[in-house]
Amino acid sequence: MKLGLRSKALEELIGGYEPGKIYHFYGHAGTGKTHLACYHPLAALEPRLTQALQKDEKVIAIIYSCDGSFDWGRFFDIYGGGFEERPELKKYVQVVRPTDFDHQHTLIVKTLPAFLESRGLKPVFIAVDPMTSFYRIEFMTTKDARRRISIALQRTGQLEEQLSVLKALAEKHECTVVVTNWLKANHTEENQPWYREFGGGKGFEFYPSVSVRLEEVCKLPKIVKATVTKHRFRTEGKSCYFAIDCMGIRDLNFQFSF
């Protein structure tokens, strides 16, 4: 099932969320990563989960909120809709909050496949937001240069393993996976390839089918520029703009250029 983005501009830019693929959004804090990784696709899942409820299907949507930013209250305020009318739909959504990188790694690489297999569950959506938060904290708070290199080598390898597991599950169950990442401070360096713009290692270059850079270009009102840096079926380098306010992500009602 293809999931919509609840935004005409973003829908035209990346074409919605296709099943069986990994989508990768990377940007600084406040650029809409949690909306795009969790809130938008979850709202779009309402018809599918309603069908599962009516037919008593064994499906599940899983959100790994690695920084604790996913909030049911905010989701209901902005996107609630059918979830408020049918609170029983929440039973099909599992929000998991890892406590550190090792916990995240175990949950995704070992616990998730075993959980789905043992319960006979079909995942319809998986999000990891942000996937690199624990790695970034560990790396940035380590002062010793040699220890930093050791952390980078170990954790980027483990992140690649996590992505490989998510990719296999996406293809096996025809479900959409969305992961988020941070945007490096030096991403604007001239002639820098797109895969040097984010952290987390080469796995984020290869496993996602679609990668999108998110940049804040105006603070009041907050306007974000989304640029496709990787896409197998659409034009790379193409951009669109959207606004973020108390009601979440919305299309602009005026022409904007930057």
Protein backbone atom coordinates (compact mmCIF):
# COMPACT_ATOMS: atom_id res chain seq x y z
CA MET A 1 0.00 0.00 0.00
CA LYS A 2 1.41 3.38 -1.05
CA LEU A 3 1.26 5.98 1.74
CA GLY A 4 0.55 9.62 1.00
CA LEU A 5 2.45 12.56 2.48
CA ARG A 6 -0.50 14.91 3.23
CA SER A 7 1.43 17.58 1.32
CA LYS A 8 0.97 18.22 -2.40
CA ALA A 9 4.45 19.73 -2.78
CA LEU A 10 6.21 16.81 -1.07
CA GLU A 11 4.00 14.30 -2.87
CA GLU A 12 5.05 15.76 -6.21
CA LEU A 13 8.69 15.83 -5.10
CA ILE A 14 9.15 12.21 -4.01
CA GLY A 15 5.92 10.50 -5.07
CA GLY A 16 4.68 9.29 -1.69
CA TYR A 17 5.95 6.31 0.27
CA GLU A 18 6.20 3.15 -1.81
CA PRO A 19 6.05 -0.28 -0.11
CA GLY A 20 9.23 -2.31 0.08
CA LYS A 21 11.54 0.73 0.19
CA ILE A 22 13.54 2.72 2.75
CA TYR A 23 13.13 6.51 2.82
CA HIS A 24 15.84 8.65 4.42
CA PHE A 25 15.30 12.24 5.61
CA TYR A 26 18.20 14.20 7.07
CA GLY A 27 18.29 17.71 8.51
CA HIS A 28 18.84 19.83 11.60
CA ALA A 29 16.39 19.87 14.51
CA GLY A 30 13.03 21.44 13.72
CA THR A 31 13.00 20.70 9.99
CA GLY A 32 10.08 18.25 10.08
CA LYS A 33 11.86 14.89 10.36
CA THR A 34 9.46 13.42 12.92
CA HIS A 35 6.43 14.63 10.95
CA LEU A 36 7.73 12.98 7.77
CA ALA A 37 8.99 9.81 9.46
CA CYS A 38 6.16 9.20 11.92
CA TYR A 39 3.12 11.48 11.89
CA HIS A 40 2.43 11.72 8.15
CA PRO A 41 2.73 8.01 7.33
CA LEU A 42 0.86 7.00 10.48
CA ALA A 43 -2.05 9.27 9.55
CA ALA A 44 -1.98 7.81 6.02
CA LEU A 45 -2.18 4.31 7.50
CA GLU A 46 -5.60 4.89 9.06
CA PRO A 47 -7.59 3.22 6.20
CA ARG A 48 -5.24 0.22 6.21
CA LEU A 49 -5.49 -0.21 9.99
CA THR A 50 -9.26 0.22 9.85
CA GLN A 51 -9.36 -2.62 7.33
CA ALA A 52 -7.18 -4.72 9.63
CA LEU A 53 -9.56 -4.03 12.52
CA GLN A 54 -12.61 -5.05 10.46
CA LYS A 55 -10.97 -8.22 9.18
CA ASP A 56 -9.06 -9.02 12.39
CA GLU A 57 -5.74 -9.04 10.51
CA LYS A 58 -2.43 -9.47 12.31
CA VAL A 59 -0.61 -6.33 11.20
CA ILE A 60 1.52 -3.78 13.06
CA ALA A 61 3.15 -0.39 12.59
CA ILE A 62 6.32 0.13 14.64
CA ILE A 63 7.90 3.47 15.53
CA TYR A 64 11.32 3.55 17.19
CA SER A 65 11.41 6.99 18.81
CA CYS A 66 15.11 7.16 19.61
CA ASP A 67 15.04 10.70 21.02
CA GLY A 68 11.57 10.42 22.55
CA SER A 69 10.11 13.07 20.22
CA PHE A 70 7.09 11.04 19.09
CA ASP A 71 4.06 12.24 21.02
CA TRP A 72 0.56 10.78 20.74
CA GLY A 73 -0.98 14.03 22.00
CA ARG A 74 0.64 16.06 19.23
CA PHE A 75 -0.32 13.45 16.66
CA PHE A 76 -3.97 13.59 17.74
CA ASP A 77 -3.96 17.41 17.77
CA ILE A 78 -2.71 17.64 14.19
CA TYR A 79 -3.45 14.39 12.37
CA GLY A 80 -5.78 12.45 14.69
CA GLY A 81 -8.83 12.06 12.43
CA GLY A 82 -9.90 8.43 12.35
CA PHE A 83 -7.59 7.53 15.23
CA GLU A 84 -9.67 9.73 17.53
CA GLU A 85 -12.90 8.23 16.23
CA ARG A 86 -11.50 4.70 16.54
CA PRO A 87 -9.07 4.66 19.49
CA GLU A 88 -8.83 0.88 19.10
CA LEU A 89 -6.61 1.50 16.05
CA LYS A 90 -3.79 2.33 18.46
CA LYS A 91 -3.46 -1.37 19.27
CA TYR A 92 -1.89 -1.80 15.83
CA VAL A 93 0.81 0.79 16.58
CA GLN A 94 3.78 0.05 18.80
CA VAL A 95 5.95 2.99 19.90
CA VAL A 96 9.33 1.79 21.15
CA ARG A 97 11.78 4.08 22.97
CA PRO A 98 15.34 2.67 22.99
CA THR A 99 17.51 3.76 25.91
CA ASP A 100 20.93 3.74 24.21
CA PHE A 101 22.66 2.63 21.02
CA ASP A 102 23.20 -0.98 22.12
CA HIS A 103 19.53 -1.25 23.05
CA GLN A 104 18.51 0.18 19.66
CA HIS A 105 20.80 -2.26 17.86
CA THR A 106 19.42 -5.27 19.71
CA LEU A 107 15.82 -4.17 19.18
CA ILE A 108 16.19 -3.81 15.42
CA VAL A 109 18.64 -6.60 14.55
CA LYS A 110 17.47 -9.33 16.94
CA THR A 111 14.20 -8.52 18.70
CA LEU A 112 12.22 -7.15 15.73
CA PRO A 113 12.57 -10.12 13.33
CA ALA A 114 11.99 -12.61 16.16
CA PHE A 115 8.95 -10.67 17.43
CA LEU A 116 7.30 -10.55 14.00
CA GLU A 117 8.01 -14.23 13.36
CA SER A 118 6.82 -15.50 16.75
CA ARG A 119 3.58 -13.48 16.66
CA GLY A 120 2.88 -14.05 12.97
CA LEU A 121 2.67 -10.29 12.44
CA LYS A 122 2.94 -8.45 9.14
CA PRO A 123 4.56 -4.99 9.51
CA VAL A 124 2.84 -2.32 7.41
CA PHE A 125 5.19 0.49 8.43
CA ILE A 126 8.45 0.92 10.37
CA ALA A 127 10.10 4.20 11.39
CA VAL A 128 13.39 4.86 13.20
CA ASP A 129 13.57 8.51 14.26
CA PRO A 130 16.30 9.64 14.47
CA MET A 131 18.31 6.54 13.67
CA THR A 132 21.68 8.15 14.42
CA SER A 133 20.89 10.06 17.65
CA PHE A 134 22.61 7.71 20.09
CA TYR A 135 25.64 7.31 17.82
CA ARG A 136 25.94 11.08 17.44
CA ILE A 137 25.75 11.68 21.21
CA GLU A 138 28.38 9.02 21.89
CA PHE A 139 30.68 10.33 19.17
CA MET A 140 30.33 14.04 20.03
CA THR A 141 30.84 13.56 23.79
CA THR A 142 34.02 11.49 23.35
CA LYS A 143 37.12 13.71 23.55
CA ASP A 144 39.86 11.20 22.81
CA ALA A 145 40.58 11.13 19.05
CA ARG A 146 41.49 7.45 18.89
CA ARG A 147 38.40 6.47 20.85
CA ARG A 148 36.29 8.57 18.47
CA ILE A 149 37.65 6.66 15.48
CA SER A 150 36.92 3.36 17.22
CA ILE A 151 33.34 4.45 17.98
CA ALA A 152 32.79 5.61 14.40
CA LEU A 153 34.02 2.33 12.92
CA GLN A 154 31.99 0.18 15.29
CA ARG A 155 28.74 2.16 15.28
CA THR A 156 28.58 2.87 11.54
CA GLY A 157 29.04 -0.85 10.93
CA GLN A 158 26.20 -1.62 13.32
CA LEU A 159 23.99 1.03 11.70
CA GLU A 160 24.62 -0.62 8.35
CA GLU A 161 23.58 -3.95 9.86
CA GLN A 162 20.38 -2.35 11.17
CA LEU A 163 19.63 -0.90 7.74
CA SER A 164 20.21 -4.27 6.09
CA VAL A 165 17.69 -5.89 8.47
CA LEU A 166 15.14 -3.14 7.83
CA LYS A 167 15.66 -3.45 4.07
CA ALA A 168 15.10 -7.21 4.21
CA LEU A 169 11.90 -6.75 6.25
CA ALA A 170 10.65 -4.02 3.90
CA GLU A 171 11.09 -6.27 0.87
CA LYS A 172 9.77 -9.42 2.56
CA HIS A 173 6.59 -7.80 3.90
CA GLU A 174 6.16 -5.05 1.28
CA CYS A 175 6.13 -2.38 3.96
CA THR A 176 7.53 1.15 3.99
CA VAL A 177 10.50 2.00 6.22
CA VAL A 178 11.43 5.60 7.05
CA VAL A 179 14.65 6.58 8.86
CA THR A 180 15.97 10.02 9.81
CA ASN A 181 19.46 11.39 10.26
CA TRP A 182 21.29 14.61 11.03
CA LEU A 183 22.71 17.16 8.61
CA LYS A 184 26.39 17.95 9.08
CA ALA A 185 27.38 21.56 9.77
CA ASN A 186 29.75 21.59 6.78
CA HIS A 187 27.22 20.24 4.28
CA THR A 188 27.52 23.35 2.11
CA GLU A 189 31.19 22.80 1.22
CA GLU A 190 31.76 23.24 -2.50
CA ASN A 191 31.84 20.09 -4.64
CA GLN A 192 30.98 17.89 -1.67
CA PRO A 193 29.08 14.73 -2.73
CA TRP A 194 25.58 14.36 -1.28
CA TYR A 195 26.50 11.30 0.79
CA ARG A 196 28.97 13.41 2.80
CA GLU A 197 26.17 15.67 4.03
CA PHE A 198 24.90 13.36 6.78
CA GLY A 199 26.31 11.17 9.54
CA GLY A 200 26.02 7.46 10.18
CA GLY A 201 28.23 5.95 7.50
CA LYS A 202 27.88 4.44 4.05
CA GLY A 203 24.83 2.37 4.90
CA PHE A 204 22.68 5.50 4.50
CA GLU A 205 24.11 5.97 1.03
CA PHE A 206 23.25 2.50 -0.23
CA TYR A 207 20.20 1.06 1.55
CA PRO A 208 17.60 3.85 1.19
CA SER A 209 15.89 4.13 -2.18
CA VAL A 210 15.16 7.80 -1.52
CA SER A 211 17.17 10.41 0.41
CA VAL A 212 15.93 13.95 1.08
CA ARG A 213 17.87 16.86 2.61
CA LEU A 214 15.83 19.21 4.84
CA GLU A 215 17.06 22.78 5.45
CA GLU A 216 15.43 25.67 7.29
CA VAL A 217 15.56 28.73 5.03
CA CYS A 218 13.29 31.11 6.96
CA LYS A 219 12.53 31.30 10.69
CA LEU A 220 9.35 33.40 10.80
CA PRO A 221 7.33 31.86 9.34
CA LYS A 222 9.39 28.68 9.47
CA ILE A 223 9.95 27.49 5.93
CA VAL A 224 11.90 24.36 5.05
CA LYS A 225 13.50 23.45 1.75
CA ALA A 226 13.36 19.75 0.84
CA THR A 227 15.84 18.58 -1.80
CA VAL A 228 15.96 15.12 -3.35
CA THR A 229 19.57 13.90 -3.17
CA LYS A 230 18.83 10.32 -4.19
CA HIS A 231 15.84 8.84 -6.00
CA ARG A 232 15.64 5.89 -8.35
CA PHE A 233 12.68 7.16 -10.34
CA ARG A 234 12.61 10.96 -9.95
CA THR A 235 14.84 13.92 -10.68
CA GLU A 236 17.68 14.29 -8.18
CA GLY A 237 18.48 17.84 -7.14
CA LYS A 238 14.85 18.97 -7.42
CA SER A 239 13.45 20.89 -4.44
CA CYS A 240 10.23 22.12 -2.89
CA TYR A 241 9.35 24.34 0.07
CA PHE A 242 6.91 23.79 2.91
CA ALA A 243 5.98 25.51 6.17
CA ILE A 244 6.01 24.13 9.71
CA ASP A 245 3.79 25.68 12.39
CA CYS A 246 1.66 24.61 15.34
CA MET A 247 -0.46 22.56 12.95
CA GLY A 248 2.51 20.62 11.57
CA ILE A 249 3.71 20.58 7.97
CA ARG A 250 1.62 22.43 5.41
CA ASP A 251 1.99 23.58 1.83
CA LEU A 252 2.75 27.23 1.21
CA ASN A 253 -0.11 29.39 -0.06
CA PHE A 254 2.35 31.75 -1.73
CA GLN A 255 5.29 31.51 -4.14
CA PHE A 256 8.67 31.18 -2.41
CA SER A 257 12.20 31.13 -3.81
CA PHE A 258 15.58 31.17 -2.11
